[in-house]
Amino acid sequence: MTSTASSMDLRQGQAPHDRRPSWQQRLRRFGYVPAKDAPSGDVRDRLVPPYAEPGPRLWQVLGVPPVLAERITRWSGWGGPLLVTLMAGLMRFWNLGSPRAVIFDETYYAKDAWALVHRGFEVNWDKNANDLVLQTHGHLPIPTDAAYVVHPPVGKYVIGLGELLFGFDPFGWRFMTALLGTLSVLLLCRIGRRIFRSTFLGCLAGALMAVDGLHFVMSRTSLLDGVLMFFVVAAFGCLVIDRDRSRERLAAALPVDADGRVRPDEHVADAFRFGLRPWRWAAGLMLGLAIGTKWNGLYILVAFCVLAVLWDVGARKTAGARHPYAAALKYDTGIAFLATVPVAIAVYLLSWLGWILSPTDGTGGYFRNWAATDGRGGSWTFLPDWLRSLWHYEHEVYKFHVGLTSPHTYQSNPWSWIVLGRPVSYFYESPNPGADGCPADAGEKCAREVLAIGTPLLWWAACFAILYVLWRWAFRRDWRAGAIACGIAAGYLPWFLYQERTIFLFYAVVFLPFLCLAVAMLIGAIIGPPGSSDTRRVIGASAAGVLVLLIAWNFIYFWPLYTGTAIPIDSWRSRMWLDTWV
């Protein structure tokens, strides 16, 4: 009976991949690679792939001696990112105090930051305070009446540090955002290098962000979103380092065969403990600072925690685990939670220390005395008064955020962000010829504007890069593409829950670094994978080079709109490519 049944099995003569369900066969035409067809070999190289190095032919063509080529390769891991960062810093700090004005929401955060670093809580300023700050170079008394504000204090403390160092003026309140914007370029270069295993692609990702207009403008304006972006990138970088470190330890614990190759082992992979993982705790610290800057950092926290656990599952699966999800749930999820959520909560509460320590007699922070006045009684009186007052404050802030529907000239729907549908004008003046940089022979008034808009060609290229990243993730199971997609989704998708709320394009700066990683990954694919023919590489490199040069040219072309440089009105109109930009 057994032999008869076997003879009726029509699949016996088929190749293994033809015996799979038909859906897998159909997906192959789109590039799907089944898990069992994944490359085998030394598990160490799959857990921690080596970094790519330029081939000897490149150095021969450039006429670089072997000894010098080896030194360049060794130092490029830091030398390249530092050169890109230097370029970004020079651009961001150049004439940072211009315009010498309180532009857009600087009217809130610059003054709130000054009050925080001196009083520990925000205060109500006079209506003419902006003019007085500029006229007196910041030498004016700080009011004592507490103000109701709707954002946590971390970002304002960061801005206030620059004011303490350089004064209560435009350069002072923009210094720290410029510094963090510059450092975020360095972080992205190093992150890109680590996930792509390529110094070139890492530096390319950082360089793309260095020449993005939205990142540039946000680095030169004292708003909170640029600070939030820095902490998000720092948290992501910590998790990427943790991923490498933990996989290195796992690879070291696996057995080695007679040929010196690391082999998978079910027992080791299922029972391995990664330990305390300090970089994951550092990520929790950064995520706490992100939430303490703006509440949308909460979505980033959730997404990154899920991502980190999935990385652990992938590591155990690669190492040969029979039950990778169960092992990750048993050994990894708990420490992942402890290293992020409680740490982030503790950091958030600590950021309110100035408000907590303020007087409770009505002269302290807003709502600081709520528990002792309006909040007396109830079933939660066993909690400290400061905690109940803070909870009430946060509840009122939540109601404000979800109910914010007041119309604004520059508000936009998140559907339009990715194509730069409605940028935000931070500053606009119409100087007469011969005044404020307007050429004397202009013939009519000039336009002087600071426009928060990304470099158009970069963002439009990113639309295609997102599709490529999603394809790599879905059909090639590329963890790099999944990580990039996670960063974009965590910073972008939550805003679709609040489409009736008053929101703005510049919120997108939080996921901009991941867009730059996506474009760098796409450009790497255009250049061609290792082993491609010389013809393929030349064509790919030429196409990629043209794209990068066009993006750089686009940034230079829009430079006057990023820096508030006065230009003839016709030149300004020629840069308004879409009607919605006006």
Protein backbone atom coordinates (compact mmCIF):
# COMPACT_ATOMS: atom_id res chain seq x y z
CA MET A 1 0.00 0.00 0.00
CA THR A 2 2.88 2.29 0.81
CA SER A 3 4.63 1.64 -2.49
CA THR A 4 1.41 2.20 -4.41
CA ALA A 5 0.85 5.50 -2.69
CA SER A 6 4.42 6.52 -3.41
CA SER A 7 4.05 5.67 -7.07
CA MET A 8 1.05 7.97 -7.27
CA ASP A 9 3.02 10.98 -5.95
CA LEU A 10 3.38 13.11 -9.08
CA ARG A 11 5.87 15.41 -7.34
CA GLN A 12 8.68 12.84 -7.09
CA GLY A 13 10.49 13.96 -10.20
CA GLN A 14 10.12 17.66 -9.57
CA ALA A 15 12.79 20.01 -8.27
CA PRO A 16 12.41 21.03 -4.61
CA HIS A 17 11.26 24.55 -5.40
CA ASP A 18 8.50 23.18 -7.67
CA ARG A 19 6.99 21.31 -4.74
CA ARG A 20 6.26 24.52 -2.85
CA PRO A 21 2.80 26.08 -2.80
CA SER A 22 1.92 27.83 -6.01
CA TRP A 23 1.91 31.28 -4.40
CA GLN A 24 5.66 31.02 -3.82
CA GLN A 25 6.20 30.01 -7.44
CA ARG A 26 4.14 32.95 -8.64
CA LEU A 27 6.05 35.41 -6.43
CA ARG A 28 9.36 34.35 -7.99
CA ARG A 29 8.60 36.45 -11.05
CA PHE A 30 8.71 39.52 -8.78
CA GLY A 31 12.07 38.57 -7.27
CA TYR A 32 10.89 36.55 -4.26
CA VAL A 33 13.60 34.33 -2.77
CA PRO A 34 12.34 31.56 -0.43
CA ALA A 35 14.07 31.20 2.90
CA LYS A 36 15.50 27.75 2.11
CA ASP A 37 17.17 29.21 -0.99
CA ALA A 38 19.05 31.79 1.08
CA PRO A 39 22.83 31.65 0.66
CA SER A 40 24.61 29.19 2.92
CA GLY A 41 28.21 29.03 4.10
CA ASP A 42 29.97 30.48 7.10
CA VAL A 43 27.27 31.59 9.52
CA ARG A 44 29.57 34.29 10.89
CA ASP A 45 29.47 36.12 7.56
CA ARG A 46 25.69 35.94 7.56
CA LEU A 47 25.37 37.15 11.14
CA VAL A 48 27.98 39.92 10.79
CA PRO A 49 28.80 40.55 7.11
CA PRO A 50 32.24 42.01 6.37
CA TYR A 51 32.64 45.58 5.17
CA ALA A 52 33.11 46.13 1.46
CA GLU A 53 36.48 47.52 0.35
CA PRO A 54 37.46 49.14 -2.96
CA GLY A 55 39.01 46.65 -5.37
CA PRO A 56 42.66 46.94 -6.40
CA ARG A 57 41.69 48.01 -9.93
CA LEU A 58 40.21 51.27 -8.62
CA TRP A 59 43.48 52.21 -6.95
CA GLN A 60 45.44 51.23 -10.06
CA VAL A 61 43.26 53.44 -12.25
CA LEU A 62 43.70 56.34 -9.82
CA GLY A 63 47.45 55.72 -9.59
CA VAL A 64 47.39 55.28 -5.80
CA PRO A 65 50.27 53.15 -4.38
CA PRO A 66 49.16 50.03 -2.45
CA VAL A 67 50.49 51.30 0.89
CA LEU A 68 48.62 54.60 0.57
CA ALA A 69 45.50 52.78 -0.65
CA GLU A 70 45.55 50.61 2.47
CA ARG A 71 45.82 53.67 4.72
CA ILE A 72 43.00 55.47 2.90
CA THR A 73 40.77 52.41 3.26
CA ARG A 74 41.60 52.06 6.95
CA TRP A 75 40.89 55.71 7.78
CA SER A 76 37.94 56.24 5.44
CA GLY A 77 35.48 54.72 7.92
CA TRP A 78 35.78 57.88 10.02
CA GLY A 79 37.52 60.22 7.60
CA GLY A 80 34.73 60.13 5.02
CA PRO A 81 31.88 60.80 7.47
CA LEU A 82 33.87 63.59 9.14
CA LEU A 83 34.49 65.32 5.79
CA VAL A 84 30.77 65.16 4.96
CA THR A 85 29.96 66.47 8.44
CA LEU A 86 32.43 69.33 8.05
CA MET A 87 30.71 70.35 4.82
CA ALA A 88 27.30 70.17 6.50
CA GLY A 89 28.48 72.17 9.51
CA LEU A 90 30.03 74.95 7.44
CA MET A 91 26.75 75.40 5.58
CA ARG A 92 24.60 75.32 8.68
CA PHE A 93 26.67 77.69 10.80
CA TRP A 94 27.38 80.17 8.00
CA ASN A 95 25.59 83.43 8.85
CA LEU A 96 23.43 81.52 11.35
CA GLY A 97 22.10 84.71 12.97
CA SER A 98 20.39 85.77 9.73
CA PRO A 99 17.60 86.68 9.47
CA ARG A 100 18.00 88.67 12.65
CA ALA A 101 14.40 88.16 13.57
CA VAL A 102 12.12 85.85 15.52
CA ILE A 103 10.89 83.63 12.70
CA PHE A 104 7.82 81.40 12.74
CA ASP A 105 7.52 79.31 15.95
CA GLU A 106 10.77 80.66 17.35
CA THR A 107 8.41 83.12 19.00
CA TYR A 108 7.44 80.28 21.35
CA TYR A 109 10.47 78.05 21.77
CA ALA A 110 13.24 80.64 21.97
CA LYS A 111 11.52 82.47 24.83
CA ASP A 112 10.29 79.29 26.52
CA ALA A 113 13.84 77.96 26.46
CA TRP A 114 15.21 81.13 28.05
CA ALA A 115 12.62 80.93 30.82
CA LEU A 116 13.21 77.21 31.41
CA VAL A 117 16.95 77.47 31.92
CA HIS A 118 16.44 80.35 34.37
CA ARG A 119 13.18 79.53 36.18
CA GLY A 120 12.53 75.85 35.48
CA PHE A 121 9.15 76.49 33.83
CA GLU A 122 7.71 78.52 30.95
CA VAL A 123 6.24 81.99 31.50
CA ASN A 124 3.90 84.42 29.77
CA TRP A 125 5.76 87.12 27.82
CA ASP A 126 4.47 90.53 26.76
CA LYS A 127 3.13 90.87 23.23
CA ASN A 128 6.07 93.11 22.25
CA ALA A 129 8.66 90.79 23.81
CA ASN A 130 10.11 89.76 20.42
CA ASP A 131 10.99 93.35 19.54
CA LEU A 132 12.42 93.96 22.99
CA VAL A 133 14.60 90.86 22.79
CA LEU A 134 16.12 92.03 19.51
CA GLN A 135 16.49 95.65 20.63
CA THR A 136 18.10 94.86 23.98
CA HIS A 137 20.09 91.82 22.78
CA GLY A 138 18.16 89.70 25.25
CA HIS A 139 18.77 91.89 28.28
CA LEU A 140 15.23 92.13 29.61
CA PRO A 141 13.61 90.80 32.78
CA ILE A 142 11.93 87.39 32.70
CA PRO A 143 8.23 87.45 33.67
CA THR A 144 7.03 85.38 36.63
CA ASP A 145 3.54 84.42 35.49
CA ALA A 146 3.51 80.71 34.47
CA ALA A 147 2.43 79.87 30.91
CA TYR A 148 0.40 76.93 29.60
CA VAL A 149 2.55 75.10 27.03
CA VAL A 150 1.79 71.90 25.14
CA HIS A 151 5.21 70.33 24.52
CA PRO A 152 7.56 68.63 27.00
CA PRO A 153 10.70 70.51 28.06
CA VAL A 154 13.68 68.53 26.64
CA GLY A 155 13.88 70.28 23.28
CA LYS A 156 13.54 73.68 24.93
CA TYR A 157 16.30 72.85 27.39
CA VAL A 158 18.49 71.97 24.41
CA ILE A 159 17.74 75.31 22.76
CA GLY A 160 18.28 77.08 26.09
CA LEU A 161 21.78 75.62 26.38
CA GLY A 162 22.78 77.51 23.24
CA GLU A 163 21.24 80.67 24.67
CA LEU A 164 23.24 80.29 27.88
CA LEU A 165 26.43 79.89 25.85
CA PHE A 166 25.94 82.61 23.23
CA GLY A 167 23.19 84.88 24.48
CA PHE A 168 19.48 85.43 24.08
CA ASP A 169 19.59 86.35 20.39
CA PRO A 170 19.04 84.58 17.03
CA PHE A 171 22.50 83.00 16.93
CA GLY A 172 22.17 81.80 20.51
CA TRP A 173 18.77 80.18 20.17
CA ARG A 174 19.71 78.57 16.82
CA PHE A 175 23.13 77.29 17.88
CA MET A 176 22.08 73.95 19.35
CA THR A 177 19.70 73.05 16.52
CA ALA A 178 22.53 73.79 14.07
CA LEU A 179 24.91 71.65 16.12
CA LEU A 180 22.49 68.74 16.40
CA GLY A 181 21.64 69.05 12.71
CA THR A 182 25.35 68.80 11.87
CA LEU A 183 25.90 65.86 14.23
CA SER A 184 22.89 64.06 12.77
CA VAL A 185 24.71 64.05 9.42
CA LEU A 186 27.67 62.34 11.09
CA LEU A 187 25.38 59.81 12.74
CA LEU A 188 23.65 59.02 9.45
CA CYS A 189 26.97 58.51 7.67
CA ARG A 190 28.08 56.02 10.31
CA ILE A 191 24.68 54.31 10.46
CA GLY A 192 24.55 53.99 6.69
CA ARG A 193 28.08 52.60 6.63
CA ARG A 194 27.19 50.00 9.24
CA ILE A 195 23.93 48.75 7.71
CA PHE A 196 25.14 48.82 4.08
CA ARG A 197 28.66 47.64 4.98
CA SER A 198 29.88 50.36 2.62
CA THR A 199 31.66 53.58 3.53
CA PHE A 200 30.64 55.07 0.19
CA LEU A 201 26.91 54.44 0.62
CA GLY A 202 27.03 55.58 4.24
CA CYS A 203 28.70 58.87 3.30
CA LEU A 204 26.29 59.24 0.41
CA ALA A 205 23.28 58.97 2.74
CA GLY A 206 24.79 61.64 5.02
CA ALA A 207 25.68 63.88 2.09
CA LEU A 208 22.12 63.65 0.75
CA MET A 209 20.77 64.81 4.10
CA ALA A 210 23.40 67.56 4.23
CA VAL A 211 22.00 69.01 0.97
CA ASP A 212 18.34 68.59 1.83
CA GLY A 213 16.57 71.90 2.18
CA LEU A 214 14.17 70.88 4.93
CA HIS A 215 16.96 69.48 7.11
CA PHE A 216 19.04 72.59 6.37
CA VAL A 217 16.28 75.02 7.34
CA MET A 218 15.30 73.07 10.44
CA SER A 219 18.97 73.02 11.51
CA ARG A 220 19.01 76.82 11.31
CA THR A 221 15.73 77.43 13.17
CA SER A 222 15.02 76.90 16.88
CA LEU A 223 12.08 74.52 16.51
CA LEU A 224 11.63 71.24 18.35
CA ASP A 225 11.34 68.89 15.37
CA GLY A 226 15.03 69.08 14.48
CA VAL A 227 15.92 68.16 18.05
CA LEU A 228 13.46 65.26 17.94
CA MET A 229 14.98 64.06 14.67
CA PHE A 230 18.46 63.96 16.23
CA PHE A 231 17.35 61.81 19.17
CA VAL A 232 15.46 59.45 16.82
CA VAL A 233 18.54 58.98 14.62
CA ALA A 234 20.72 58.50 17.71
CA ALA A 235 18.33 55.85 19.08
CA PHE A 236 18.30 54.03 15.74
CA GLY A 237 22.09 54.12 15.62
CA CYS A 238 22.32 52.64 19.11
CA LEU A 239 20.02 49.79 18.10
CA VAL A 240 22.04 49.11 14.94
CA ILE A 241 25.25 48.91 16.98
CA ASP A 242 23.49 46.64 19.49
CA ARG A 243 22.40 44.41 16.61
CA ASP A 244 25.98 44.00 15.42
CA ARG A 245 27.41 43.48 18.90
CA SER A 246 24.83 40.86 19.88
CA ARG A 247 25.24 38.95 16.61
CA GLU A 248 29.01 38.98 17.07
CA ARG A 249 28.58 37.37 20.50
CA LEU A 250 26.15 34.83 19.08
CA ALA A 251 28.56 33.95 16.26
CA ALA A 252 31.39 33.51 18.76
CA ALA A 253 29.27 31.01 20.71
CA LEU A 254 28.55 28.78 17.68
CA PRO A 255 30.68 25.70 16.91
CA VAL A 256 33.44 25.72 14.29
CA ASP A 257 33.88 22.79 11.89
CA ALA A 258 37.12 21.18 10.74
CA ASP A 259 37.48 23.72 7.94
CA GLY A 260 37.31 26.64 10.37
CA ARG A 261 33.80 27.69 9.35
CA VAL A 262 31.18 28.67 11.88
CA ARG A 263 28.21 26.35 11.62
CA PRO A 264 24.62 26.77 12.88
CA ASP A 265 23.68 25.01 16.10
CA GLU A 266 20.10 24.53 17.25
CA HIS A 267 20.87 24.25 20.96
CA VAL A 268 23.11 27.34 21.10
CA ALA A 269 20.74 29.46 19.01
CA ASP A 270 17.69 28.51 21.09
CA ALA A 271 19.31 29.04 24.50
CA PHE A 272 21.82 31.85 23.95
CA ARG A 273 21.58 34.89 26.25
CA PHE A 274 22.74 38.23 24.88
CA GLY A 275 23.40 39.80 28.28
CA LEU A 276 22.76 43.38 29.43
CA ARG A 277 23.36 44.99 26.02
CA PRO A 278 24.43 48.56 26.98
CA TRP A 279 23.68 49.96 23.52
CA ARG A 280 20.05 48.98 23.91
CA TRP A 281 19.90 50.90 27.20
CA ALA A 282 21.48 53.86 25.40
CA ALA A 283 18.70 53.60 22.82
CA GLY A 284 16.16 53.76 25.65
CA LEU A 285 17.82 56.94 26.89
CA MET A 286 17.65 58.53 23.43
CA LEU A 287 14.01 57.50 23.01
CA GLY A 288 13.18 59.02 26.39
CA LEU A 289 14.76 62.28 25.27
CA ALA A 290 12.79 62.06 22.02
CA ILE A 291 9.49 61.67 23.86
CA GLY A 292 10.55 64.47 26.20
CA THR A 293 10.90 66.69 23.14
CA LYS A 294 7.60 65.87 21.39
CA TRP A 295 5.03 63.22 22.12
CA ASN A 296 5.16 61.64 18.67
CA GLY A 297 8.38 60.05 19.89
CA LEU A 298 6.05 57.48 21.50
CA TYR A 299 5.30 55.98 18.08
CA ILE A 300 9.03 55.77 17.39
CA LEU A 301 9.53 53.97 20.70
CA VAL A 302 6.94 51.30 19.90
CA ALA A 303 8.22 50.75 16.35
CA PHE A 304 11.87 50.52 17.38
CA CYS A 305 11.09 48.06 20.21
CA VAL A 306 9.28 45.75 17.79
CA LEU A 307 12.11 46.13 15.27
CA ALA A 308 14.76 45.24 17.87
CA VAL A 309 12.95 42.05 18.91
CA LEU A 310 12.50 41.00 15.28
CA TRP A 311 16.23 41.50 14.76
CA ASP A 312 16.86 39.10 17.65
CA VAL A 313 14.49 36.58 16.07
CA GLY A 314 16.38 36.87 12.80
CA ALA A 315 19.73 36.38 14.51
CA ARG A 316 18.57 33.21 16.26
CA LYS A 317 17.02 31.89 13.05
CA THR A 318 20.25 32.45 11.14
CA ALA A 319 22.21 30.71 13.90
CA GLY A 320 20.01 27.62 13.50
CA ALA A 321 17.32 28.06 16.17
CA ARG A 322 14.44 25.62 15.88
CA HIS A 323 12.05 27.93 17.74
CA PRO A 324 13.44 31.46 17.19
CA TYR A 325 10.25 33.31 18.16
CA ALA A 326 9.83 31.34 21.38
CA ALA A 327 13.50 31.85 22.25
CA ALA A 328 13.28 35.58 21.58
CA LEU A 329 10.12 35.83 23.67
CA LYS A 330 11.78 33.97 26.53
CA TYR A 331 15.22 35.58 26.56
CA ASP A 332 15.05 38.86 24.62
CA THR A 333 11.65 40.53 24.98
CA GLY A 334 11.93 41.18 28.71
CA ILE A 335 15.30 42.88 28.58
CA ALA A 336 14.23 44.77 25.45
CA PHE A 337 11.26 46.13 27.39
CA LEU A 338 13.27 47.02 30.49
CA ALA A 339 16.00 48.72 28.48
CA THR A 340 13.58 50.97 26.60
CA VAL A 341 10.16 51.59 28.12
CA PRO A 342 11.03 52.10 31.84
CA VAL A 343 14.19 54.00 30.88
CA ALA A 344 12.25 56.25 28.53
CA ILE A 345 9.59 56.91 31.19
CA ALA A 346 12.24 57.72 33.80
CA VAL A 347 14.02 60.11 31.43
CA TYR A 348 10.72 61.78 30.56
CA LEU A 349 9.82 62.34 34.20
CA LEU A 350 13.31 63.59 34.98
CA SER A 351 12.99 66.17 32.20
CA TRP A 352 10.16 67.77 34.22
CA LEU A 353 12.38 68.23 37.27
CA GLY A 354 12.42 72.04 36.97
CA TRP A 355 8.62 72.12 36.95
CA ILE A 356 8.41 69.55 39.79
CA LEU A 357 10.76 71.55 42.02
CA SER A 358 8.98 74.85 41.34
CA PRO A 359 6.86 76.38 44.16
CA THR A 360 3.41 74.94 44.89
CA ASP A 361 1.94 78.17 46.20
CA GLY A 362 0.72 79.35 42.81
CA THR A 363 3.99 81.01 41.79
CA GLY A 364 5.48 77.86 40.22
CA GLY A 365 4.86 76.08 36.95
CA TYR A 366 1.46 75.97 35.31
CA PHE A 367 -0.87 73.48 37.11
CA ARG A 368 1.91 72.79 39.64
CA ASN A 369 -0.51 73.41 42.54
CA TRP A 370 -3.48 71.62 40.93
CA ALA A 371 -3.38 68.61 43.31
CA ALA A 372 -3.50 70.92 46.33
CA THR A 373 -6.36 73.06 44.97
CA ASP A 374 -8.77 71.83 42.29
CA GLY A 375 -7.50 68.24 42.53
CA ARG A 376 -8.09 67.68 46.22
CA GLY A 377 -9.86 64.47 47.13
CA GLY A 378 -10.54 61.46 44.95
CA SER A 379 -9.17 57.93 44.92
CA TRP A 380 -5.60 58.77 43.86
CA THR A 381 -4.57 60.94 46.79
CA PHE A 382 -2.02 58.34 47.91
CA LEU A 383 0.17 59.45 44.97
CA PRO A 384 2.54 62.42 45.41
CA ASP A 385 0.95 65.78 44.65
CA TRP A 386 3.54 66.54 41.97
CA LEU A 387 2.68 63.34 40.09
CA ARG A 388 -1.07 63.96 40.21
CA SER A 389 -0.57 67.55 39.09
CA LEU A 390 1.69 66.45 36.25
CA TRP A 391 -0.80 63.81 35.17
CA HIS A 392 -3.56 66.42 35.06
CA TYR A 393 -1.32 68.72 33.06
CA GLU A 394 -0.55 65.95 30.55
CA HIS A 395 -4.24 65.09 30.24
CA GLU A 396 -5.08 68.70 29.40
CA VAL A 397 -2.25 68.78 26.85
CA TYR A 398 -3.58 65.60 25.23
CA LYS A 399 -7.03 67.15 24.86
CA PHE A 400 -5.43 70.20 23.25
CA HIS A 401 -3.45 68.15 20.73
CA VAL A 402 -6.31 65.93 19.55
CA GLY A 403 -8.64 68.92 19.31
CA LEU A 404 -6.29 71.28 17.45
CA THR A 405 -8.19 72.07 14.26
CA SER A 406 -7.67 75.83 13.96
CA PRO A 407 -7.00 76.62 10.29
CA HIS A 408 -3.51 77.83 9.34
CA THR A 409 -2.24 79.24 6.05
CA TYR A 410 0.55 76.67 5.77
CA GLN A 411 -1.12 73.56 7.18
CA SER A 412 -1.00 70.48 4.97
CA ASN A 413 -2.32 66.94 4.76
CA PRO A 414 0.28 64.19 5.29
CA TRP A 415 -0.61 62.72 1.89
CA SER A 416 1.13 65.69 0.30
CA TRP A 417 4.28 65.68 2.42
CA ILE A 418 6.25 63.13 0.44
CA VAL A 419 5.88 65.21 -2.74
CA LEU A 420 6.38 68.55 -0.93
CA GLY A 421 2.85 69.70 -1.66
CA ARG A 422 2.66 72.57 0.83
CA PRO A 423 5.88 73.94 2.37
CA VAL A 424 5.92 76.39 5.26
CA SER A 425 7.18 79.95 4.95
CA TYR A 426 9.05 80.83 8.14
CA PHE A 427 10.02 84.35 7.14
CA TYR A 428 9.25 86.74 4.27
CA GLU A 429 10.20 90.34 3.51
CA SER A 430 10.09 92.52 0.40
CA PRO A 431 13.14 94.82 0.66
CA ASN A 432 13.46 97.75 -1.69
CA PRO A 433 16.31 97.94 -4.23
CA GLY A 434 19.57 98.73 -2.46
CA ALA A 435 18.32 97.63 0.98
CA ASP A 436 18.81 94.37 2.93
CA GLY A 437 20.79 92.71 0.16
CA CYS A 438 18.40 93.60 -2.66
CA PRO A 439 20.46 94.65 -5.75
CA ALA A 440 20.26 98.37 -6.42
CA ASP A 441 19.45 97.66 -10.08
CA ALA A 442 16.66 95.20 -9.29
CA GLY A 443 14.08 97.62 -10.65
CA GLU A 444 11.42 96.48 -8.20
CA LYS A 445 11.21 95.01 -4.73
CA CYS A 446 13.05 91.80 -3.99
CA ALA A 447 11.84 88.71 -2.14
CA ARG A 448 13.61 87.53 1.00
CA GLU A 449 12.21 84.26 2.32
CA VAL A 450 13.06 81.30 4.54
CA LEU A 451 11.00 78.44 3.13
CA ALA A 452 10.86 75.08 4.94
CA ILE A 453 10.88 72.79 1.93
CA GLY A 454 12.98 69.77 1.11
CA THR A 455 15.25 69.62 -1.92
CA PRO A 456 12.58 68.68 -4.49
CA LEU A 457 14.61 66.24 -6.61
CA LEU A 458 15.76 64.39 -3.49
CA TRP A 459 12.22 63.97 -2.16
CA TRP A 460 10.81 62.99 -5.53
CA ALA A 461 13.59 60.43 -5.93
CA ALA A 462 12.70 59.20 -2.45
CA CYS A 463 9.20 58.31 -3.69
CA PHE A 464 10.77 55.70 -5.97
CA ALA A 465 13.29 54.72 -3.30
CA ILE A 466 10.45 53.88 -0.89
CA LEU A 467 8.94 51.54 -3.48
CA TYR A 468 12.33 49.89 -3.98
CA VAL A 469 12.85 49.49 -0.23
CA LEU A 470 9.40 47.92 0.20
CA TRP A 471 10.15 45.52 -2.64
CA ARG A 472 13.51 44.53 -1.12
CA TRP A 473 11.84 43.96 2.22
CA ALA A 474 8.83 42.00 0.95
CA PHE A 475 10.47 39.87 -1.74
CA ARG A 476 14.14 39.66 -0.77
CA ARG A 477 13.65 39.76 3.00
CA ASP A 478 16.41 42.37 3.25
CA TRP A 479 16.65 43.45 6.90
CA ARG A 480 18.19 46.78 5.85
CA ALA A 481 15.17 47.62 3.76
CA GLY A 482 12.90 46.58 6.61
CA ALA A 483 14.74 48.81 9.07
CA ILE A 484 14.55 51.80 6.72
CA ALA A 485 10.86 51.17 6.05
CA CYS A 486 10.25 50.95 9.81
CA GLY A 487 11.88 54.34 10.39
CA ILE A 488 9.82 55.96 7.65
CA ALA A 489 6.58 54.35 8.81
CA ALA A 490 7.12 55.25 12.48
CA GLY A 491 7.70 58.92 11.68
CA TYR A 492 5.14 59.27 8.89
CA LEU A 493 2.14 56.94 9.20
CA PRO A 494 0.90 58.08 12.65
CA TRP A 495 0.05 61.50 11.22
CA PHE A 496 -2.60 59.89 9.02
CA LEU A 497 -4.57 59.29 12.23
CA TYR A 498 -4.90 63.06 12.69
CA GLN A 499 -5.76 64.33 9.22
CA GLU A 500 -8.26 66.81 10.65
CA ARG A 501 -5.63 68.23 12.98
CA THR A 502 -3.57 71.31 12.10
CA ILE A 503 -0.25 69.78 10.99
CA PHE A 504 2.67 70.90 8.84
CA LEU A 505 5.18 69.58 6.34
CA PHE A 506 8.17 70.27 8.58
CA TYR A 507 7.05 67.42 10.88
CA ALA A 508 8.45 65.16 8.14
CA VAL A 509 12.03 66.05 9.13
CA VAL A 510 11.79 63.25 11.71
CA PHE A 511 11.73 60.51 9.04
CA LEU A 512 13.89 62.39 6.53
CA PRO A 513 17.09 60.50 7.56
CA PHE A 514 15.42 57.23 6.58
CA LEU A 515 14.39 58.69 3.24
CA CYS A 516 18.06 59.51 2.64
CA LEU A 517 19.03 55.94 3.55
CA ALA A 518 16.40 54.68 1.10
CA VAL A 519 17.75 56.86 -1.72
CA ALA A 520 21.31 55.74 -0.94
CA MET A 521 20.17 52.11 -1.08
CA LEU A 522 18.48 52.74 -4.43
CA ILE A 523 21.61 54.42 -5.79
CA GLY A 524 23.65 51.42 -4.64
CA ALA A 525 21.34 49.19 -6.67
CA ILE A 526 21.67 51.49 -9.69
CA ILE A 527 25.47 51.26 -9.51
CA GLY A 528 25.22 47.49 -9.43
CA PRO A 529 25.89 44.62 -7.03
CA PRO A 530 29.37 43.19 -6.41
CA GLY A 531 30.48 40.98 -9.26
CA SER A 532 28.77 43.07 -11.95
CA SER A 533 30.54 43.52 -15.25
CA ASP A 534 32.60 46.62 -15.91
CA THR A 535 30.04 47.80 -18.48
CA ARG A 536 27.23 47.40 -15.97
CA ARG A 537 29.18 49.30 -13.32
CA VAL A 538 30.12 52.16 -15.65
CA ILE A 539 26.54 52.66 -16.83
CA GLY A 540 25.18 52.38 -13.30
CA ALA A 541 27.77 54.71 -11.81
CA SER A 542 27.12 57.29 -14.55
CA ALA A 543 23.37 57.22 -13.94
CA ALA A 544 23.83 57.42 -10.16
CA GLY A 545 26.34 60.25 -10.52
CA VAL A 546 23.94 62.27 -12.66
CA LEU A 547 21.18 61.82 -10.06
CA VAL A 548 23.39 62.91 -7.17
CA LEU A 549 24.70 65.94 -9.10
CA LEU A 550 21.15 66.99 -9.99
CA ILE A 551 20.13 66.79 -6.32
CA ALA A 552 23.16 68.89 -5.32
CA TRP A 553 22.38 71.42 -8.08
CA ASN A 554 18.76 71.56 -6.92
CA PHE A 555 19.89 72.42 -3.39
CA ILE A 556 22.17 75.19 -4.70
CA TYR A 557 19.37 76.54 -6.88
CA PHE A 558 17.02 76.84 -3.88
CA TRP A 559 19.75 78.14 -1.56
CA PRO A 560 18.32 81.72 -1.47
CA LEU A 561 14.98 80.35 -0.23
CA TYR A 562 16.69 78.37 2.51
CA THR A 563 18.84 81.22 3.83
CA GLY A 564 16.63 84.29 3.49
CA THR A 565 18.85 85.78 0.78
CA ALA A 566 17.24 88.70 -1.07
CA ILE A 567 16.69 87.92 -4.76
CA PRO A 568 14.76 89.73 -7.53
CA ILE A 569 11.10 88.91 -7.47
CA ASP A 570 11.29 87.22 -10.88
CA SER A 571 14.00 84.89 -9.59
CA TRP A 572 11.81 84.09 -6.62
CA ARG A 573 8.84 83.32 -8.89
CA SER A 574 10.98 81.01 -11.03
CA ARG A 575 11.59 78.88 -7.93
CA MET A 576 7.89 78.50 -7.14
CA TRP A 577 7.58 75.30 -9.16
CA LEU A 578 4.12 74.49 -7.81
CA ASP A 579 1.25 76.88 -7.17
CA THR A 580 0.88 75.47 -3.65
CA TRP A 581 4.38 76.70 -2.76
CA VAL A 582 3.30 80.34 -2.79
